[in-house]
Structure formats: structure tokens, C-alpha cells
Amino acid sequence: MSVIWQQRTHGIQRRKQQSAMLLARLFVVAIIIATTMAAAYLALVAANVHAASRVWTMEQTLSEMYRQNHALWIEIARASSIPVLQERSVQLGYQPAHSVDFLQIGEP
């Protein structure tokens, strides 16, 4: 009997074939795991970019609201100044008081 015939009939090649199949399966599982991890990482990056975009938009909205708020405070300060209030009261028909009489009320 030849050596080749003995190797083929006694399972040595079959063991090599089984180990090669096991190695191929492990390689496929490793590729699947790496692909899954890459997809999960890309999903995380996409979610992070979306959240950062929303935060940026909110910060821009907040700064615009701060500017509008300060403009309104300035407008309120101008409208409530004494000369403006006196001018508005004259426009509404009020007259300045020439003499002021005070009423004194006794203690109970």
C-alpha cells in the first residue's frame, strides 16, 4: 500500500478538511462581527452628528432670543423714561398740576 492511499483512507485529509472548514467558519464569523461593530459605530456617529446639529441650532436660536430680549429691554427703558412719559401724558390730554393739595388723615 502506498502512503497516499493510507492518508486518504485513514482520515488525515478529512481532518485537514475539517480544520480548514472550521477556520473558514471562524473567518466568516469574525467578518460578521466586524461588520456589525462597524455598523453600530457608524450609527452612533450618525446619532452624535444629528444631536450636535440640533444643539447648534438651539444655541443659535437662544442667542437670537437673547438679542431680541435685550432689544426689548432697551425699548422698555426708553418708553418708561420721564420725558417720554410726560410727552405721552400731554398727548392723552392730561395737564400738569399747578398746585398740589395734600389730604391728611388722622390715625385710627
C-alpha atoms as a PDB file:
ATOM      1  CA  MET A   1       0.000   0.000   0.000  1.00  0.00           C
ATOM      2  CA  SER A   2       1.150   3.419  -0.837  1.00  0.00           C
ATOM      3  CA  VAL A   3       1.426   6.282   1.588  1.00  0.00           C
ATOM      4  CA  ILE A   4      -1.062   8.415  -0.365  1.00  0.00           C
ATOM      5  CA  TRP A   5      -3.649   5.666  -0.258  1.00  0.00           C
ATOM      6  CA  GLN A   6      -3.192   5.303   3.513  1.00  0.00           C
ATOM      7  CA  GLN A   7      -3.553   9.062   4.080  1.00  0.00           C
ATOM      8  CA  ARG A   8      -6.735   9.211   2.069  1.00  0.00           C
ATOM      9  CA  THR A   9      -8.276   6.183   3.661  1.00  0.00           C
ATOM     10  CA  HIS A  10      -7.260   6.807   7.259  1.00  0.00           C
ATOM     11  CA  GLY A  11      -8.784  10.313   7.651  1.00  0.00           C
ATOM     12  CA  ILE A  12      -5.729  12.567   7.652  1.00  0.00           C
ATOM     13  CA  GLN A  13      -7.061  14.614   4.740  1.00  0.00           C
ATOM     14  CA  ARG A  14     -10.507  14.614   6.275  1.00  0.00           C
ATOM     15  CA  ARG A  15      -9.056  16.187   9.457  1.00  0.00           C
ATOM     16  CA  LYS A  16      -7.304  18.821   7.361  1.00  0.00           C
ATOM     17  CA  GLN A  17     -10.534  19.490   5.527  1.00  0.00           C
ATOM     18  CA  GLN A  18     -12.458  19.775   8.805  1.00  0.00           C
ATOM     19  CA  SER A  19      -9.895  22.181  10.251  1.00  0.00           C
ATOM     20  CA  ALA A  20      -9.993  24.231   7.046  1.00  0.00           C
ATOM     21  CA  MET A  21     -13.822  24.390   7.275  1.00  0.00           C
ATOM     22  CA  LEU A  22     -13.586  25.406  10.940  1.00  0.00           C
ATOM     23  CA  LEU A  23     -11.079  28.104  10.040  1.00  0.00           C
ATOM     24  CA  ALA A  24     -13.343  29.357   7.234  1.00  0.00           C
ATOM     25  CA  ARG A  25     -16.347  29.461   9.584  1.00  0.00           C
ATOM     26  CA  LEU A  26     -14.345  31.375  12.179  1.00  0.00           C
ATOM     27  CA  PHE A  27     -13.243  33.807   9.478  1.00  0.00           C
ATOM     28  CA  VAL A  28     -16.864  34.345   8.359  1.00  0.00           C
ATOM     29  CA  VAL A  29     -17.985  34.860  11.982  1.00  0.00           C
ATOM     30  CA  ALA A  30     -15.149  37.358  12.513  1.00  0.00           C
ATOM     31  CA  ILE A  31     -16.185  39.261   9.379  1.00  0.00           C
ATOM     32  CA  ILE A  32     -19.820  39.314  10.528  1.00  0.00           C
ATOM     33  CA  ILE A  33     -18.835  40.572  13.986  1.00  0.00           C
ATOM     34  CA  ALA A  34     -16.541  43.246  12.495  1.00  0.00           C
ATOM     35  CA  THR A  35     -19.278  44.361  10.088  1.00  0.00           C
ATOM     36  CA  THR A  36     -21.831  44.523  12.913  1.00  0.00           C
ATOM     37  CA  MET A  37     -19.475  46.561  15.083  1.00  0.00           C
ATOM     38  CA  ALA A  38     -18.703  48.928  12.206  1.00  0.00           C
ATOM     39  CA  ALA A  39     -22.408  49.405  11.525  1.00  0.00           C
ATOM     40  CA  ALA A  40     -23.073  50.075  15.212  1.00  0.00           C
ATOM     41  CA  TYR A  41     -20.212  52.590  15.310  1.00  0.00           C
ATOM     42  CA  LEU A  42     -21.492  54.371  12.201  1.00  0.00           C
ATOM     43  CA  ALA A  43     -24.992  54.501  13.705  1.00  0.00           C
ATOM     44  CA  LEU A  44     -23.530  56.008  16.879  1.00  0.00           C
ATOM     45  CA  VAL A  45     -21.559  58.581  14.880  1.00  0.00           C
ATOM     46  CA  ALA A  46     -24.663  59.490  12.865  1.00  0.00           C
ATOM     47  CA  ALA A  47     -26.704  59.927  16.056  1.00  0.00           C
ATOM     48  CA  ASN A  48     -23.928  62.064  17.547  1.00  0.00           C
ATOM     49  CA  VAL A  49     -23.780  64.279  14.454  1.00  0.00           C
ATOM     50  CA  HIS A  50     -27.568  64.677  14.489  1.00  0.00           C
ATOM     51  CA  ALA A  51     -27.549  65.615  18.189  1.00  0.00           C
ATOM     52  CA  ALA A  52     -24.700  68.091  17.641  1.00  0.00           C
ATOM     53  CA  SER A  53     -26.626  69.672  14.781  1.00  0.00           C
ATOM     54  CA  ARG A  54     -29.708  70.071  16.975  1.00  0.00           C
ATOM     55  CA  VAL A  55     -27.616  71.577  19.789  1.00  0.00           C
ATOM     56  CA  TRP A  56     -26.038  74.034  17.330  1.00  0.00           C
ATOM     57  CA  THR A  57     -29.478  75.076  16.069  1.00  0.00           C
ATOM     58  CA  MET A  58     -30.744  75.515  19.632  1.00  0.00           C
ATOM     59  CA  GLU A  59     -27.714  77.629  20.555  1.00  0.00           C
ATOM     60  CA  GLN A  60     -28.302  79.864  17.547  1.00  0.00           C
ATOM     61  CA  THR A  61     -31.985  80.214  18.494  1.00  0.00           C
ATOM     62  CA  LEU A  62     -31.034  81.010  22.083  1.00  0.00           C
ATOM     63  CA  SER A  63     -28.554  83.704  21.058  1.00  0.00           C
ATOM     64  CA  GLU A  64     -31.183  85.253  18.750  1.00  0.00           C
ATOM     65  CA  MET A  65     -33.675  85.279  21.620  1.00  0.00           C
ATOM     66  CA  TYR A  66     -31.081  86.926  23.888  1.00  0.00           C
ATOM     67  CA  ARG A  67     -30.590  89.657  21.270  1.00  0.00           C
ATOM     68  CA  GLN A  68     -34.347  90.200  20.962  1.00  0.00           C
ATOM     69  CA  ASN A  69     -34.707  90.252  24.755  1.00  0.00           C
ATOM     70  CA  HIS A  70     -32.012  92.915  25.117  1.00  0.00           C
ATOM     71  CA  ALA A  71     -33.597  94.976  22.362  1.00  0.00           C
ATOM     72  CA  LEU A  72     -36.940  94.793  24.175  1.00  0.00           C
ATOM     73  CA  TRP A  73     -35.326  95.832  27.472  1.00  0.00           C
ATOM     74  CA  ILE A  74     -33.821  98.857  25.731  1.00  0.00           C
ATOM     75  CA  GLU A  75     -37.196  99.716  24.217  1.00  0.00           C
ATOM     76  CA  ILE A  76     -38.890  99.402  27.623  1.00  0.00           C
ATOM     77  CA  ALA A  77     -36.239 101.651  29.196  1.00  0.00           C
ATOM     78  CA  ARG A  78     -36.761 104.302  26.515  1.00  0.00           C
ATOM     79  CA  ALA A  79     -40.561 104.121  26.747  1.00  0.00           C
ATOM     80  CA  SER A  80     -40.566 104.411  30.537  1.00  0.00           C
ATOM     81  CA  SER A  81     -38.229 107.387  30.778  1.00  0.00           C
ATOM     82  CA  ILE A  82     -39.685 110.525  32.401  1.00  0.00           C
ATOM     83  CA  PRO A  83     -39.600 112.798  29.313  1.00  0.00           C
ATOM     84  CA  VAL A  84     -41.353 110.198  27.157  1.00  0.00           C
ATOM     85  CA  LEU A  85     -43.988 109.582  29.849  1.00  0.00           C
ATOM     86  CA  GLN A  86     -44.606 113.333  30.184  1.00  0.00           C
ATOM     87  CA  GLU A  87     -44.984 113.707  26.421  1.00  0.00           C
ATOM     88  CA  ARG A  88     -47.409 110.778  26.235  1.00  0.00           C
ATOM     89  CA  SER A  89     -49.496 112.155  29.093  1.00  0.00           C
ATOM     90  CA  VAL A  90     -49.807 115.517  27.283  1.00  0.00           C
ATOM     91  CA  GLN A  91     -50.838 113.677  24.106  1.00  0.00           C
ATOM     92  CA  LEU A  92     -53.510 111.837  26.095  1.00  0.00           C
ATOM     93  CA  GLY A  93     -54.900 115.145  27.347  1.00  0.00           C
ATOM     94  CA  TYR A  94     -53.547 115.318  30.877  1.00  0.00           C
ATOM     95  CA  GLN A  95     -52.461 118.675  32.230  1.00  0.00           C
ATOM     96  CA  PRO A  96     -49.555 119.264  34.575  1.00  0.00           C
ATOM     97  CA  ALA A  97     -50.615 120.016  38.141  1.00  0.00           C
ATOM     98  CA  HIS A  98     -50.192 123.694  39.114  1.00  0.00           C
ATOM     99  CA  SER A  99     -50.854 123.258  42.781  1.00  0.00           C
ATOM    100  CA  VAL A 100     -50.938 120.126  44.857  1.00  0.00           C
ATOM    101  CA  ASP A 101     -53.208 119.793  47.875  1.00  0.00           C
ATOM    102  CA  PHE A 102     -52.440 117.054  50.333  1.00  0.00           C
ATOM    103  CA  LEU A 103     -55.104 115.394  52.444  1.00  0.00           C
ATOM    104  CA  GLN A 104     -54.051 114.491  55.933  1.00  0.00           C
ATOM    105  CA  ILE A 105     -55.772 111.581  57.548  1.00  0.00           C
ATOM    106  CA  GLY A 106     -55.636 111.080  61.282  1.00  0.00           C
ATOM    107  CA  GLU A 107     -54.615 107.843  62.890  1.00  0.00           C
ATOM    108  CA  PRO A 108     -57.400 105.438  63.826  1.00  0.00           C
END
